[in-house]
Amino acid sequence: MSKKHPTTRSNTLSKPIAPLKGVRILSLALNLPGPAALMRCVAMGATCRKIEPPSGDPMGHYMPPAYAQLTAGVKVITADLKTEAGQERIHKELARTDVLLTSFRPSAMAKLGLDWKTLHKRYPRLSQVAIVGAPGAGAEIPGHDLTYLAENGLVNGLELPATLFADMGGSLMASEAVLQATLERARKGKGVFIEVPLATAAGYLALPRQWGLTLPSGSVGGAHAGYQVYPCKDGRAAVAALEPHFAAALCKLAAVKIKADPSLAKPATRKAIAAFFAAHTRKQLDALAIEHDLPIHTLPR
């Protein structure tokens, strides 16, 4: 078992903050980024509704547990927006909506008569947060999380990324955009249109790599022996002893002379630290991490 970080009362709020209380959000977004953004808005106190087609949200079919979590606290409405009845239903909802959340291509919204120009004319106080693939004209180009990560240098070798970074990063940007739209309407008295491209979210997450921090030559990309994943006797250890006092404590444990290599970049230093971890079990390392106040998290093989 890896060590558990103790929680302190100072890190918790006695009462949840609800900055979106009273804000009514209608979502047409399916799959992941939009529903994840809506989940965040529910957590911030918004009243959230979602219109799904008769076939439902694909997430509900291929990952029911995720769908259940994403729609908790959301009133789901079924309507075919390509029909007259569906159009009547959405406009009934829009008349009492503050922010519309979408994830369709602009051309698809236009075909439904829901392009921003039309919406803004009919509902001047309505805002729209539009999640798209790429900015501007790129919004019509097909893409997905993997392609946006690849465009921004976040796909290494042939392995798939550990999670859907662009989708989840985009969902956070979209929930942030809802807050921005709410503040802007309060200030100017009219709705605004905010585009949230997933490619832009991926680019934001890629900034540390663009700066060189996570390149192999960077301090958190492999150059620093105190910031690595090492094998141990029965698993692995994620070590983040980056600051000088953490690095010094790690070197003391591993019997490494830090004065000879203050940047912890020499192969000999890495070899000595690797040997230390290889000689210990996860349980031993967990105990040492707590005893010596070191940022180490052990993992199975």
C-alpha atoms as a PDB file:
ATOM      1  CA  MET A   1       0.000   0.000   0.000  1.00  0.00           C
ATOM      2  CA  SER A   2       1.261   3.477  -0.793  1.00  0.00           C
ATOM      3  CA  LYS A   3       1.303   6.091   1.922  1.00  0.00           C
ATOM      4  CA  LYS A   4      -1.816   8.135   2.414  1.00  0.00           C
ATOM      5  CA  HIS A   5      -1.545  11.902   2.620  1.00  0.00           C
ATOM      6  CA  PRO A   6      -3.345  13.152   5.730  1.00  0.00           C
ATOM      7  CA  THR A   7      -6.079  15.691   5.114  1.00  0.00           C
ATOM      8  CA  THR A   8      -6.202  18.795   7.244  1.00  0.00           C
ATOM      9  CA  ARG A   9      -9.189  20.919   8.078  1.00  0.00           C
ATOM     10  CA  SER A  10      -7.415  23.970   6.658  1.00  0.00           C
ATOM     11  CA  ASN A  11      -7.604  22.395   3.194  1.00  0.00           C
ATOM     12  CA  THR A  12     -11.359  21.835   3.350  1.00  0.00           C
ATOM     13  CA  LEU A  13     -14.273  24.241   3.198  1.00  0.00           C
ATOM     14  CA  SER A  14     -16.977  24.013   5.840  1.00  0.00           C
ATOM     15  CA  LYS A  15     -19.541  25.105   3.265  1.00  0.00           C
ATOM     16  CA  PRO A  16     -19.419  24.495  -0.511  1.00  0.00           C
ATOM     17  CA  ILE A  17     -19.104  27.596  -2.683  1.00  0.00           C
ATOM     18  CA  ALA A  18     -21.831  27.900  -5.318  1.00  0.00           C
ATOM     19  CA  PRO A  19     -20.828  30.778  -7.646  1.00  0.00           C
ATOM     20  CA  LEU A  20     -23.304  29.591 -10.302  1.00  0.00           C
ATOM     21  CA  LYS A  21     -26.313  29.341  -8.000  1.00  0.00           C
ATOM     22  CA  GLY A  22     -29.334  30.645  -9.875  1.00  0.00           C
ATOM     23  CA  VAL A  23     -27.647  30.300 -13.281  1.00  0.00           C
ATOM     24  CA  ARG A  24     -29.606  28.111 -15.707  1.00  0.00           C
ATOM     25  CA  ILE A  25     -27.565  26.070 -18.164  1.00  0.00           C
ATOM     26  CA  LEU A  26     -28.876  24.060 -21.100  1.00  0.00           C
ATOM     27  CA  SER A  27     -26.493  21.577 -22.718  1.00  0.00           C
ATOM     28  CA  LEU A  28     -26.682  19.913 -26.110  1.00  0.00           C
ATOM     29  CA  ALA A  29     -23.191  18.432 -25.710  1.00  0.00           C
ATOM     30  CA  LEU A  30     -22.681  14.668 -25.844  1.00  0.00           C
ATOM     31  CA  ASN A  31     -19.840  12.228 -25.076  1.00  0.00           C
ATOM     32  CA  LEU A  32     -17.220  13.670 -22.694  1.00  0.00           C
ATOM     33  CA  PRO A  33     -16.002  17.310 -22.782  1.00  0.00           C
ATOM     34  CA  GLY A  34     -19.434  18.963 -22.611  1.00  0.00           C
ATOM     35  CA  PRO A  35     -20.948  16.605 -20.028  1.00  0.00           C
ATOM     36  CA  ALA A  36     -17.774  16.901 -17.915  1.00  0.00           C
ATOM     37  CA  ALA A  37     -18.079  20.696 -18.059  1.00  0.00           C
ATOM     38  CA  LEU A  38     -21.745  20.424 -17.074  1.00  0.00           C
ATOM     39  CA  MET A  39     -20.755  18.183 -14.151  1.00  0.00           C
ATOM     40  CA  ARG A  40     -18.439  20.957 -12.955  1.00  0.00           C
ATOM     41  CA  CYS A  41     -21.238  23.514 -13.310  1.00  0.00           C
ATOM     42  CA  VAL A  42     -23.565  21.350 -11.213  1.00  0.00           C
ATOM     43  CA  ALA A  43     -20.852  21.290  -8.540  1.00  0.00           C
ATOM     44  CA  MET A  44     -20.763  25.099  -8.680  1.00  0.00           C
ATOM     45  CA  GLY A  45     -24.501  25.306  -8.007  1.00  0.00           C
ATOM     46  CA  ALA A  46     -25.933  25.831 -11.501  1.00  0.00           C
ATOM     47  CA  THR A  47     -29.347  24.493 -12.498  1.00  0.00           C
ATOM     48  CA  CYS A  48     -28.487  22.216 -15.399  1.00  0.00           C
ATOM     49  CA  ARG A  49     -30.606  20.641 -18.119  1.00  0.00           C
ATOM     50  CA  LYS A  50     -29.474  18.555 -21.050  1.00  0.00           C
ATOM     51  CA  ILE A  51     -31.235  17.701 -24.286  1.00  0.00           C
ATOM     52  CA  GLU A  52     -30.333  14.326 -25.753  1.00  0.00           C
ATOM     53  CA  PRO A  53     -31.485  12.814 -29.074  1.00  0.00           C
ATOM     54  CA  PRO A  54     -33.876   9.813 -28.978  1.00  0.00           C
ATOM     55  CA  SER A  55     -30.856   7.518 -29.360  1.00  0.00           C
ATOM     56  CA  GLY A  56     -29.367   8.988 -26.175  1.00  0.00           C
ATOM     57  CA  ASP A  57     -25.833  10.056 -25.368  1.00  0.00           C
ATOM     58  CA  PRO A  58     -23.286   7.540 -26.761  1.00  0.00           C
ATOM     59  CA  MET A  59     -21.518   7.630 -23.379  1.00  0.00           C
ATOM     60  CA  GLY A  60     -24.616   6.094 -21.841  1.00  0.00           C
ATOM     61  CA  HIS A  61     -24.219   3.071 -24.110  1.00  0.00           C
ATOM     62  CA  TYR A  62     -20.486   2.381 -24.002  1.00  0.00           C
ATOM     63  CA  MET A  63     -19.733   3.533 -20.435  1.00  0.00           C
ATOM     64  CA  PRO A  64     -22.884   3.626 -18.259  1.00  0.00           C
ATOM     65  CA  PRO A  65     -21.052   4.301 -14.939  1.00  0.00           C
ATOM     66  CA  ALA A  66     -19.332   7.348 -16.432  1.00  0.00           C
ATOM     67  CA  TYR A  67     -22.615   8.573 -17.906  1.00  0.00           C
ATOM     68  CA  ALA A  68     -24.320   8.231 -14.533  1.00  0.00           C
ATOM     69  CA  GLN A  69     -21.641  10.336 -12.853  1.00  0.00           C
ATOM     70  CA  LEU A  70     -21.646  12.934 -15.628  1.00  0.00           C
ATOM     71  CA  THR A  71     -25.413  13.424 -15.485  1.00  0.00           C
ATOM     72  CA  ALA A  72     -25.879  13.350 -11.711  1.00  0.00           C
ATOM     73  CA  GLY A  73     -27.934  16.404 -10.782  1.00  0.00           C
ATOM     74  CA  VAL A  74     -28.793  17.113 -14.433  1.00  0.00           C
ATOM     75  CA  LYS A  75     -32.363  16.983 -15.776  1.00  0.00           C
ATOM     76  CA  VAL A  76     -32.137  15.012 -19.037  1.00  0.00           C
ATOM     77  CA  ILE A  77     -34.703  15.775 -21.735  1.00  0.00           C
ATOM     78  CA  THR A  78     -35.183  13.691 -24.883  1.00  0.00           C
ATOM     79  CA  ALA A  79     -35.920  15.611 -28.078  1.00  0.00           C
ATOM     80  CA  ASP A  80     -35.169  15.286 -31.787  1.00  0.00           C
ATOM     81  CA  LEU A  81     -34.028  18.761 -32.774  1.00  0.00           C
ATOM     82  CA  LYS A  82     -34.541  17.923 -36.449  1.00  0.00           C
ATOM     83  CA  THR A  83     -38.304  17.775 -35.901  1.00  0.00           C
ATOM     84  CA  GLU A  84     -40.852  20.514 -35.290  1.00  0.00           C
ATOM     85  CA  ALA A  85     -41.629  19.136 -31.844  1.00  0.00           C
ATOM     86  CA  GLY A  86     -37.939  19.084 -30.992  1.00  0.00           C
ATOM     87  CA  GLN A  87     -37.526  22.678 -32.134  1.00  0.00           C
ATOM     88  CA  GLU A  88     -40.479  23.752 -30.026  1.00  0.00           C
ATOM     89  CA  ARG A  89     -38.966  22.030 -26.986  1.00  0.00           C
ATOM     90  CA  ILE A  90     -35.516  23.550 -27.319  1.00  0.00           C
ATOM     91  CA  HIS A  91     -36.860  27.059 -27.804  1.00  0.00           C
ATOM     92  CA  LYS A  92     -39.065  26.613 -24.769  1.00  0.00           C
ATOM     93  CA  GLU A  93     -35.914  25.733 -22.835  1.00  0.00           C
ATOM     94  CA  LEU A  94     -33.804  28.509 -24.379  1.00  0.00           C
ATOM     95  CA  ALA A  95     -36.344  31.121 -23.322  1.00  0.00           C
ATOM     96  CA  ARG A  96     -35.438  30.357 -19.690  1.00  0.00           C
ATOM     97  CA  THR A  97     -31.742  29.600 -20.163  1.00  0.00           C
ATOM     98  CA  ASP A  98     -28.746  31.756 -19.231  1.00  0.00           C
ATOM     99  CA  VAL A  99     -25.970  29.731 -20.892  1.00  0.00           C
ATOM    100  CA  LEU A 100     -26.212  27.254 -23.765  1.00  0.00           C
ATOM    101  CA  LEU A 101     -23.428  24.653 -23.846  1.00  0.00           C
ATOM    102  CA  THR A 102     -22.761  22.947 -27.200  1.00  0.00           C
ATOM    103  CA  SER A 103     -20.241  20.642 -28.828  1.00  0.00           C
ATOM    104  CA  PHE A 104     -21.468  20.482 -32.446  1.00  0.00           C
ATOM    105  CA  ARG A 105     -19.609  21.825 -35.453  1.00  0.00           C
ATOM    106  CA  PRO A 106     -20.788  25.331 -36.436  1.00  0.00           C
ATOM    107  CA  SER A 107     -22.326  24.000 -39.649  1.00  0.00           C
ATOM    108  CA  ALA A 108     -24.443  21.519 -37.685  1.00  0.00           C
ATOM    109  CA  MET A 109     -25.707  24.284 -35.397  1.00  0.00           C
ATOM    110  CA  ALA A 110     -26.590  26.385 -38.447  1.00  0.00           C
ATOM    111  CA  LYS A 111     -28.612  23.532 -39.977  1.00  0.00           C
ATOM    112  CA  LEU A 112     -30.648  23.379 -36.772  1.00  0.00           C
ATOM    113  CA  GLY A 113     -31.233  27.132 -36.877  1.00  0.00           C
ATOM    114  CA  LEU A 114     -29.164  27.488 -33.713  1.00  0.00           C
ATOM    115  CA  ASP A 115     -26.178  29.459 -35.001  1.00  0.00           C
ATOM    116  CA  TRP A 116     -25.006  32.234 -32.695  1.00  0.00           C
ATOM    117  CA  LYS A 117     -26.269  35.104 -34.884  1.00  0.00           C
ATOM    118  CA  THR A 118     -29.789  33.663 -34.868  1.00  0.00           C
ATOM    119  CA  LEU A 119     -29.706  32.813 -31.169  1.00  0.00           C
ATOM    120  CA  HIS A 120     -28.347  36.183 -30.098  1.00  0.00           C
ATOM    121  CA  LYS A 121     -31.010  38.052 -32.066  1.00  0.00           C
ATOM    122  CA  ARG A 122     -33.829  35.981 -30.553  1.00  0.00           C
ATOM    123  CA  TYR A 123     -32.387  35.701 -27.031  1.00  0.00           C
ATOM    124  CA  PRO A 124     -30.101  38.714 -26.461  1.00  0.00           C
ATOM    125  CA  ARG A 125     -29.359  37.790 -22.828  1.00  0.00           C
ATOM    126  CA  LEU A 126     -28.448  34.195 -23.683  1.00  0.00           C
ATOM    127  CA  SER A 127     -24.754  33.248 -23.758  1.00  0.00           C
ATOM    128  CA  GLN A 128     -23.264  30.304 -25.621  1.00  0.00           C
ATOM    129  CA  VAL A 129     -20.180  28.282 -24.747  1.00  0.00           C
ATOM    130  CA  ALA A 130     -19.268  26.304 -27.846  1.00  0.00           C
ATOM    131  CA  ILE A 131     -16.839  23.404 -27.429  1.00  0.00           C
ATOM    132  CA  VAL A 132     -15.202  22.716 -30.801  1.00  0.00           C
ATOM    133  CA  GLY A 133     -12.213  20.762 -32.062  1.00  0.00           C
ATOM    134  CA  ALA A 134      -9.991  23.588 -33.237  1.00  0.00           C
ATOM    135  CA  PRO A 135     -10.329  27.376 -33.347  1.00  0.00           C
ATOM    136  CA  GLY A 136     -11.886  29.359 -36.180  1.00  0.00           C
ATOM    137  CA  ALA A 137     -12.245  27.503 -39.478  1.00  0.00           C
ATOM    138  CA  GLY A 138     -10.626  24.472 -37.829  1.00  0.00           C
ATOM    139  CA  ALA A 139     -13.888  23.884 -35.962  1.00  0.00           C
ATOM    140  CA  GLU A 140     -15.198  22.103 -39.071  1.00  0.00           C
ATOM    141  CA  ILE A 141     -12.198  19.744 -39.328  1.00  0.00           C
ATOM    142  CA  PRO A 142     -12.701  16.285 -37.743  1.00  0.00           C
ATOM    143  CA  GLY A 143     -10.510  15.412 -34.812  1.00  0.00           C
ATOM    144  CA  HIS A 144     -10.458  13.847 -31.383  1.00  0.00           C
ATOM    145  CA  ASP A 145      -8.530  13.975 -28.122  1.00  0.00           C
ATOM    146  CA  LEU A 146      -5.667  11.891 -29.542  1.00  0.00           C
ATOM    147  CA  THR A 147      -5.182  14.048 -32.635  1.00  0.00           C
ATOM    148  CA  TYR A 148      -5.176  17.269 -30.612  1.00  0.00           C
ATOM    149  CA  LEU A 149      -2.591  15.848 -28.221  1.00  0.00           C
ATOM    150  CA  ALA A 150      -0.482  14.666 -31.163  1.00  0.00           C
ATOM    151  CA  GLU A 151      -0.601  18.148 -32.734  1.00  0.00           C
ATOM    152  CA  ASN A 152       0.855  19.549 -29.522  1.00  0.00           C
ATOM    153  CA  GLY A 153       3.647  17.026 -29.025  1.00  0.00           C
ATOM    154  CA  LEU A 154       1.962  15.105 -26.216  1.00  0.00           C
ATOM    155  CA  VAL A 155       1.969  11.622 -27.801  1.00  0.00           C
ATOM    156  CA  ASN A 156       5.147   9.627 -27.228  1.00  0.00           C
ATOM    157  CA  GLY A 157       6.006   6.507 -29.211  1.00  0.00           C
ATOM    158  CA  LEU A 158       3.123   4.160 -29.958  1.00  0.00           C
ATOM    159  CA  GLU A 159       1.544   4.286 -26.494  1.00  0.00           C
ATOM    160  CA  LEU A 160      -1.804   5.971 -25.957  1.00  0.00           C
ATOM    161  CA  PRO A 161      -1.856   8.802 -23.393  1.00  0.00           C
ATOM    162  CA  ALA A 162      -2.854   7.794 -19.863  1.00  0.00           C
ATOM    163  CA  THR A 163      -6.070   9.807 -19.971  1.00  0.00           C
ATOM    164  CA  LEU A 164      -8.118  12.073 -22.259  1.00  0.00           C
ATOM    165  CA  PHE A 165      -6.166  15.220 -21.523  1.00  0.00           C
ATOM    166  CA  ALA A 166      -7.645  17.448 -24.250  1.00  0.00           C
ATOM    167  CA  ASP A 167     -11.223  16.446 -23.438  1.00  0.00           C
ATOM    168  CA  MET A 168     -10.866  16.945 -19.708  1.00  0.00           C
ATOM    169  CA  GLY A 169      -8.757  20.090 -20.070  1.00  0.00           C
ATOM    170  CA  GLY A 170     -11.370  21.408 -22.483  1.00  0.00           C
ATOM    171  CA  SER A 171     -14.136  20.647 -19.993  1.00  0.00           C
ATOM    172  CA  LEU A 172     -12.384  22.764 -17.369  1.00  0.00           C
ATOM    173  CA  MET A 173     -11.956  25.600 -19.871  1.00  0.00           C
ATOM    174  CA  ALA A 174     -15.647  25.312 -20.783  1.00  0.00           C
ATOM    175  CA  SER A 175     -16.785  25.516 -17.155  1.00  0.00           C
ATOM    176  CA  GLU A 176     -14.457  28.504 -16.768  1.00  0.00           C
ATOM    177  CA  ALA A 177     -16.101  30.031 -19.860  1.00  0.00           C
ATOM    178  CA  VAL A 178     -19.531  29.623 -18.225  1.00  0.00           C
ATOM    179  CA  LEU A 179     -18.250  31.679 -15.302  1.00  0.00           C
ATOM    180  CA  GLN A 180     -16.812  34.271 -17.706  1.00  0.00           C
ATOM    181  CA  ALA A 181     -20.089  34.502 -19.625  1.00  0.00           C
ATOM    182  CA  THR A 182     -22.050  34.914 -16.402  1.00  0.00           C
ATOM    183  CA  LEU A 183     -19.795  37.732 -15.194  1.00  0.00           C
ATOM    184  CA  GLU A 184     -19.793  39.443 -18.584  1.00  0.00           C
ATOM    185  CA  ARG A 185     -23.594  39.409 -18.838  1.00  0.00           C
ATOM    186  CA  ALA A 186     -23.853  40.859 -15.352  1.00  0.00           C
ATOM    187  CA  ARG A 187     -21.505  43.623 -16.435  1.00  0.00           C
ATOM    188  CA  LYS A 188     -22.934  44.403 -19.892  1.00  0.00           C
ATOM    189  CA  GLY A 189     -26.490  43.085 -19.677  1.00  0.00           C
ATOM    190  CA  LYS A 190     -26.286  40.891 -22.776  1.00  0.00           C
ATOM    191  CA  GLY A 191     -25.137  37.429 -23.679  1.00  0.00           C
ATOM    192  CA  VAL A 192     -21.727  36.540 -25.141  1.00  0.00           C
ATOM    193  CA  PHE A 193     -20.350  33.791 -27.367  1.00  0.00           C
ATOM    194  CA  ILE A 194     -17.239  31.956 -26.157  1.00  0.00           C
ATOM    195  CA  GLU A 195     -15.517  29.289 -28.246  1.00  0.00           C
ATOM    196  CA  VAL A 196     -13.555  26.587 -26.402  1.00  0.00           C
ATOM    197  CA  PRO A 197     -11.345  24.583 -28.823  1.00  0.00           C
ATOM    198  CA  LEU A 198     -10.047  21.249 -27.529  1.00  0.00           C
ATOM    199  CA  ALA A 199      -6.854  21.834 -29.527  1.00  0.00           C
ATOM    200  CA  THR A 200      -6.314  25.003 -27.509  1.00  0.00           C
ATOM    201  CA  ALA A 201      -6.816  23.064 -24.273  1.00  0.00           C
ATOM    202  CA  ALA A 202      -4.202  20.548 -25.424  1.00  0.00           C
ATOM    203  CA  GLY A 203      -1.867  23.415 -26.302  1.00  0.00           C
ATOM    204  CA  TYR A 204      -2.270  24.874 -22.827  1.00  0.00           C
ATOM    205  CA  LEU A 205      -1.429  21.526 -21.237  1.00  0.00           C
ATOM    206  CA  ALA A 206       1.583  21.276 -23.557  1.00  0.00           C
ATOM    207  CA  LEU A 207       3.143  24.556 -22.413  1.00  0.00           C
ATOM    208  CA  PRO A 208       5.568  22.917 -19.915  1.00  0.00           C
ATOM    209  CA  ARG A 209       6.887  20.781 -22.776  1.00  0.00           C
ATOM    210  CA  GLN A 210       7.190  23.790 -25.091  1.00  0.00           C
ATOM    211  CA  TRP A 211       9.138  25.577 -22.376  1.00  0.00           C
ATOM    212  CA  GLY A 212      11.467  22.570 -22.154  1.00  0.00           C
ATOM    213  CA  LEU A 213      10.539  21.600 -18.596  1.00  0.00           C
ATOM    214  CA  THR A 214       9.339  18.102 -19.537  1.00  0.00           C
ATOM    215  CA  LEU A 215      11.805  17.392 -22.329  1.00  0.00           C
ATOM    216  CA  PRO A 216      14.452  14.738 -21.501  1.00  0.00           C
ATOM    217  CA  SER A 217      16.875  17.584 -20.833  1.00  0.00           C
ATOM    218  CA  GLY A 218      14.443  19.323 -18.482  1.00  0.00           C
ATOM    219  CA  SER A 219      14.418  19.109 -14.695  1.00  0.00           C
ATOM    220  CA  VAL A 220      11.028  17.368 -14.640  1.00  0.00           C
ATOM    221  CA  GLY A 221      11.553  15.479 -17.896  1.00  0.00           C
ATOM    222  CA  GLY A 222      14.395  13.171 -16.900  1.00  0.00           C
ATOM    223  CA  ALA A 223      17.513  15.242 -16.247  1.00  0.00           C
ATOM    224  CA  HIS A 224      17.082  15.380 -12.453  1.00  0.00           C
ATOM    225  CA  ALA A 225      17.697  12.068 -10.671  1.00  0.00           C
ATOM    226  CA  GLY A 226      15.357  13.124  -7.874  1.00  0.00           C
ATOM    227  CA  TYR A 227      12.401  13.380 -10.227  1.00  0.00           C
ATOM    228  CA  GLN A 228      12.011   9.893 -11.684  1.00  0.00           C
ATOM    229  CA  VAL A 229      10.129   6.624 -11.563  1.00  0.00           C
ATOM    230  CA  TYR A 230      12.394   3.885 -10.214  1.00  0.00           C
ATOM    231  CA  PRO A 231      11.832   0.141  -9.923  1.00  0.00           C
ATOM    232  CA  CYS A 232      11.836  -1.220  -6.385  1.00  0.00           C
ATOM    233  CA  LYS A 233      11.787  -4.788  -5.041  1.00  0.00           C
ATOM    234  CA  ASP A 234       8.069  -5.335  -5.538  1.00  0.00           C
ATOM    235  CA  GLY A 235       6.930  -2.435  -7.700  1.00  0.00           C
ATOM    236  CA  ARG A 236       7.816   1.119  -8.654  1.00  0.00           C
ATOM    237  CA  ALA A 237       8.415   4.393  -6.876  1.00  0.00           C
ATOM    238  CA  ALA A 238       7.423   7.794  -8.260  1.00  0.00           C
ATOM    239  CA  VAL A 239       9.957  10.181  -6.750  1.00  0.00           C
ATOM    240  CA  ALA A 240       9.496  13.965  -6.814  1.00  0.00           C
ATOM    241  CA  ALA A 241      12.414  15.163  -4.675  1.00  0.00           C
ATOM    242  CA  LEU A 242      12.992  18.214  -6.824  1.00  0.00           C
ATOM    243  CA  GLU A 243      13.510  21.052  -4.334  1.00  0.00           C
ATOM    244  CA  PRO A 244      17.008  21.228  -2.757  1.00  0.00           C
ATOM    245  CA  HIS A 245      15.872  20.167   0.725  1.00  0.00           C
ATOM    246  CA  PHE A 246      13.997  17.145  -0.700  1.00  0.00           C
ATOM    247  CA  ALA A 247      16.946  16.249  -2.941  1.00  0.00           C
ATOM    248  CA  ALA A 248      19.324  16.502   0.001  1.00  0.00           C
ATOM    249  CA  ALA A 249      17.147  14.233   2.141  1.00  0.00           C
ATOM    250  CA  LEU A 250      16.909  11.670  -0.683  1.00  0.00           C
ATOM    251  CA  CYS A 251      20.659  11.713  -1.251  1.00  0.00           C
ATOM    252  CA  LYS A 252      21.288  11.256   2.459  1.00  0.00           C
ATOM    253  CA  LEU A 253      19.067   8.154   2.447  1.00  0.00           C
ATOM    254  CA  ALA A 254      20.759   6.799  -0.682  1.00  0.00           C
ATOM    255  CA  ALA A 255      24.258   7.630   0.633  1.00  0.00           C
ATOM    256  CA  VAL A 256      24.940   9.947  -2.283  1.00  0.00           C
ATOM    257  CA  LYS A 257      27.251  12.945  -1.894  1.00  0.00           C
ATOM    258  CA  ILE A 258      25.064  15.767  -3.146  1.00  0.00           C
ATOM    259  CA  LYS A 259      27.929  18.297  -3.059  1.00  0.00           C
ATOM    260  CA  ALA A 260      29.597  16.375  -5.858  1.00  0.00           C
ATOM    261  CA  ASP A 261      26.467  16.662  -8.021  1.00  0.00           C
ATOM    262  CA  PRO A 262      24.152  19.450  -6.792  1.00  0.00           C
ATOM    263  CA  SER A 263      21.918  19.231  -9.888  1.00  0.00           C
ATOM    264  CA  LEU A 264      21.543  15.433  -9.503  1.00  0.00           C
ATOM    265  CA  ALA A 265      22.169  15.041 -13.220  1.00  0.00           C
ATOM    266  CA  LYS A 266      25.211  12.778 -13.301  1.00  0.00           C
ATOM    267  CA  PRO A 267      24.749   9.123 -14.356  1.00  0.00           C
ATOM    268  CA  ALA A 268      26.589   7.975 -11.224  1.00  0.00           C
ATOM    269  CA  THR A 269      24.087   9.793  -9.028  1.00  0.00           C
ATOM    270  CA  ARG A 270      21.152   8.281 -10.861  1.00  0.00           C
ATOM    271  CA  LYS A 271      22.732   4.827 -10.586  1.00  0.00           C
ATOM    272  CA  ALA A 272      23.232   5.171  -6.830  1.00  0.00           C
ATOM    273  CA  ILE A 273      19.676   6.387  -6.230  1.00  0.00           C
ATOM    274  CA  ALA A 274      18.294   3.639  -8.480  1.00  0.00           C
ATOM    275  CA  ALA A 275      20.236   1.052  -6.463  1.00  0.00           C
ATOM    276  CA  PHE A 276      18.722   2.410  -3.247  1.00  0.00           C
ATOM    277  CA  PHE A 277      15.169   1.975  -4.532  1.00  0.00           C
ATOM    278  CA  ALA A 278      15.909  -1.434  -6.028  1.00  0.00           C
ATOM    279  CA  ALA A 279      16.979  -2.640  -2.578  1.00  0.00           C
ATOM    280  CA  HIS A 280      13.727  -1.690  -0.829  1.00  0.00           C
ATOM    281  CA  THR A 281      10.114  -2.854  -0.882  1.00  0.00           C
ATOM    282  CA  ARG A 282       7.121  -0.581  -1.350  1.00  0.00           C
ATOM    283  CA  LYS A 283       6.230  -0.923   2.327  1.00  0.00           C
ATOM    284  CA  GLN A 284       9.733   0.095   3.375  1.00  0.00           C
ATOM    285  CA  LEU A 285       9.749   3.061   1.005  1.00  0.00           C
ATOM    286  CA  ASP A 286       6.334   4.220   2.183  1.00  0.00           C
ATOM    287  CA  ALA A 287       7.594   4.224   5.775  1.00  0.00           C
ATOM    288  CA  LEU A 288      10.807   6.056   4.841  1.00  0.00           C
ATOM    289  CA  ALA A 289       8.845   8.658   2.896  1.00  0.00           C
ATOM    290  CA  ILE A 290       6.748   9.490   5.955  1.00  0.00           C
ATOM    291  CA  GLU A 291       9.697   9.357   8.349  1.00  0.00           C
ATOM    292  CA  HIS A 292      11.873  11.658   6.236  1.00  0.00           C
ATOM    293  CA  ASP A 293       9.111  13.867   4.776  1.00  0.00           C
ATOM    294  CA  LEU A 294       9.841  12.876   1.185  1.00  0.00           C
ATOM    295  CA  PRO A 295       7.475  13.106  -1.831  1.00  0.00           C
ATOM    296  CA  ILE A 296       7.490   9.436  -2.831  1.00  0.00           C
ATOM    297  CA  HIS A 297       4.470   7.453  -4.027  1.00  0.00           C
ATOM    298  CA  THR A 298       4.874   3.720  -4.586  1.00  0.00           C
ATOM    299  CA  LEU A 299       3.081   1.800  -7.315  1.00  0.00           C
ATOM    300  CA  PRO A 300       2.647  -1.857  -8.308  1.00  0.00           C
ATOM    301  CA  ARG A 301       4.701  -3.157 -11.224  1.00  0.00           C
END
